[in-house]
Amino acid sequence: MKSNVLMLVSIILGVIIGLITGFIPYPTLSLIGTLKWGYPFYWLSKALSPSATIKIEWTSLVLDILIWVLISFLLTNLAKIIIKKSKNK
């Protein structure tokens, strides 16, 4: 695959994985009375109040997505190298 395609796949995977982490509870010990979601940074939070709304931490969401794009890019390049070596045998 070309590098442009790998980068596009990595970006798409990073965004998808970053958004899926919104379903993973973030373990917090500092603030009692709030629920948080996201990994490795929490980017969704909600107070334990019936009328509370969910708050999106945009900076943390962007950082989350960037980390997952980087991980996806590394893994897709690793897969490309492994496939190329297995074809050369």
C-alpha atoms as a PDB file:
ATOM      1  CA  MET A   1       0.000   0.000   0.000  1.00  0.00           C
ATOM      2  CA  LYS A   2       1.093   3.547  -0.582  1.00  0.00           C
ATOM      3  CA  SER A   3       2.019   5.812   2.320  1.00  0.00           C
ATOM      4  CA  ASN A   4      -0.933   8.122   1.647  1.00  0.00           C
ATOM      5  CA  VAL A   5      -3.370   5.251   1.943  1.00  0.00           C
ATOM      6  CA  LEU A   6      -1.681   4.024   5.132  1.00  0.00           C
ATOM      7  CA  MET A   7      -1.852   7.497   6.629  1.00  0.00           C
ATOM      8  CA  LEU A   8      -5.542   7.835   5.717  1.00  0.00           C
ATOM      9  CA  VAL A   9      -6.300   4.417   7.213  1.00  0.00           C
ATOM     10  CA  SER A  10      -4.376   5.401  10.355  1.00  0.00           C
ATOM     11  CA  ILE A  11      -6.322   8.651  10.708  1.00  0.00           C
ATOM     12  CA  ILE A  12      -9.668   6.904  10.243  1.00  0.00           C
ATOM     13  CA  LEU A  13      -8.733   4.168  12.738  1.00  0.00           C
ATOM     14  CA  GLY A  14      -7.444   6.752  15.213  1.00  0.00           C
ATOM     15  CA  VAL A  15     -10.683   8.732  15.089  1.00  0.00           C
ATOM     16  CA  ILE A  16     -12.824   5.604  15.429  1.00  0.00           C
ATOM     17  CA  ILE A  17     -10.805   4.181  18.316  1.00  0.00           C
ATOM     18  CA  GLY A  18     -10.637   7.578  20.016  1.00  0.00           C
ATOM     19  CA  LEU A  19     -14.415   7.923  19.896  1.00  0.00           C
ATOM     20  CA  ILE A  20     -14.980   4.333  21.031  1.00  0.00           C
ATOM     21  CA  THR A  21     -12.926   5.060  24.155  1.00  0.00           C
ATOM     22  CA  GLY A  22     -15.801   7.304  25.197  1.00  0.00           C
ATOM     23  CA  PHE A  23     -17.465   4.083  26.365  1.00  0.00           C
ATOM     24  CA  ILE A  24     -14.542   3.141  28.638  1.00  0.00           C
ATOM     25  CA  PRO A  25     -14.901   4.435  32.210  1.00  0.00           C
ATOM     26  CA  TYR A  26     -11.893   6.443  33.367  1.00  0.00           C
ATOM     27  CA  PRO A  27     -10.735   5.511  36.877  1.00  0.00           C
ATOM     28  CA  THR A  28     -10.657   8.694  38.951  1.00  0.00           C
ATOM     29  CA  LEU A  29      -9.699   9.039  42.547  1.00  0.00           C
ATOM     30  CA  SER A  30      -9.535  12.820  42.688  1.00  0.00           C
ATOM     31  CA  LEU A  31     -13.084  14.018  42.114  1.00  0.00           C
ATOM     32  CA  ILE A  32     -15.825  12.174  43.901  1.00  0.00           C
ATOM     33  CA  GLY A  33     -19.208  12.794  42.386  1.00  0.00           C
ATOM     34  CA  THR A  34     -18.207  12.776  38.729  1.00  0.00           C
ATOM     35  CA  LEU A  35     -18.144  10.088  36.082  1.00  0.00           C
ATOM     36  CA  LYS A  36     -15.501  10.239  33.362  1.00  0.00           C
ATOM     37  CA  TRP A  37     -14.920   8.302  30.152  1.00  0.00           C
ATOM     38  CA  GLY A  38     -12.122   8.032  27.613  1.00  0.00           C
ATOM     39  CA  TYR A  39      -8.677   6.475  27.376  1.00  0.00           C
ATOM     40  CA  PRO A  40      -5.796   7.363  27.838  1.00  0.00           C
ATOM     41  CA  PHE A  41      -7.223  10.800  28.699  1.00  0.00           C
ATOM     42  CA  TYR A  42     -10.780  11.298  29.847  1.00  0.00           C
ATOM     43  CA  TRP A  43     -12.699  13.508  27.452  1.00  0.00           C
ATOM     44  CA  LEU A  44     -16.274  12.966  28.631  1.00  0.00           C
ATOM     45  CA  SER A  45     -17.407  13.859  32.128  1.00  0.00           C
ATOM     46  CA  LYS A  46     -20.699  14.092  33.965  1.00  0.00           C
ATOM     47  CA  ALA A  47     -21.561  15.076  37.516  1.00  0.00           C
ATOM     48  CA  LEU A  48     -23.604  12.612  39.537  1.00  0.00           C
ATOM     49  CA  SER A  49     -26.654  14.809  39.485  1.00  0.00           C
ATOM     50  CA  PRO A  50     -29.940  13.975  37.779  1.00  0.00           C
ATOM     51  CA  SER A  51     -29.948  17.246  35.861  1.00  0.00           C
ATOM     52  CA  ALA A  52     -26.247  17.248  34.912  1.00  0.00           C
ATOM     53  CA  THR A  53     -25.236  17.218  31.281  1.00  0.00           C
ATOM     54  CA  ILE A  54     -22.285  15.456  29.727  1.00  0.00           C
ATOM     55  CA  LYS A  55     -19.313  17.752  29.198  1.00  0.00           C
ATOM     56  CA  ILE A  56     -16.840  17.164  26.366  1.00  0.00           C
ATOM     57  CA  GLU A  57     -13.202  18.091  27.014  1.00  0.00           C
ATOM     58  CA  TRP A  58     -12.201  18.983  23.442  1.00  0.00           C
ATOM     59  CA  THR A  59      -8.466  19.254  24.096  1.00  0.00           C
ATOM     60  CA  SER A  60      -8.373  15.799  25.665  1.00  0.00           C
ATOM     61  CA  LEU A  61     -10.432  14.375  22.796  1.00  0.00           C
ATOM     62  CA  VAL A  62      -7.979  15.762  20.233  1.00  0.00           C
ATOM     63  CA  LEU A  63      -5.024  14.391  22.236  1.00  0.00           C
ATOM     64  CA  ASP A  64      -6.743  11.016  22.494  1.00  0.00           C
ATOM     65  CA  ILE A  65      -7.329  10.906  18.749  1.00  0.00           C
ATOM     66  CA  LEU A  66      -3.735  11.956  18.012  1.00  0.00           C
ATOM     67  CA  ILE A  67      -2.370   9.199  20.240  1.00  0.00           C
ATOM     68  CA  TRP A  68      -4.586   6.588  18.596  1.00  0.00           C
ATOM     69  CA  VAL A  69      -3.638   7.856  15.109  1.00  0.00           C
ATOM     70  CA  LEU A  70       0.033   7.443  16.023  1.00  0.00           C
ATOM     71  CA  ILE A  71      -0.535   3.933  17.385  1.00  0.00           C
ATOM     72  CA  SER A  72      -2.593   2.999  14.305  1.00  0.00           C
ATOM     73  CA  PHE A  73       0.110   4.379  12.011  1.00  0.00           C
ATOM     74  CA  LEU A  74       2.795   2.337  13.757  1.00  0.00           C
ATOM     75  CA  LEU A  75       0.691  -0.831  13.649  1.00  0.00           C
ATOM     76  CA  THR A  76      -0.281  -0.436   9.973  1.00  0.00           C
ATOM     77  CA  ASN A  77       3.358   0.129   9.029  1.00  0.00           C
ATOM     78  CA  LEU A  78       4.382  -2.916  11.048  1.00  0.00           C
ATOM     79  CA  ALA A  79       1.711  -4.978   9.289  1.00  0.00           C
ATOM     80  CA  LYS A  80       2.948  -3.673   5.929  1.00  0.00           C
ATOM     81  CA  ILE A  81       6.522  -4.743   6.749  1.00  0.00           C
ATOM     82  CA  ILE A  82       5.406  -8.183   7.928  1.00  0.00           C
ATOM     83  CA  ILE A  83       3.303  -8.740   4.804  1.00  0.00           C
ATOM     84  CA  LYS A  84       6.134  -7.609   2.558  1.00  0.00           C
ATOM     85  CA  LYS A  85       8.604  -9.961   4.253  1.00  0.00           C
ATOM     86  CA  SER A  86       6.191 -12.904   4.085  1.00  0.00           C
ATOM     87  CA  LYS A  87       5.717 -12.354   0.334  1.00  0.00           C
ATOM     88  CA  ASN A  88       9.482 -12.297  -0.277  1.00  0.00           C
ATOM     89  CA  LYS A  89       9.966 -15.792   1.204  1.00  0.00           C
END
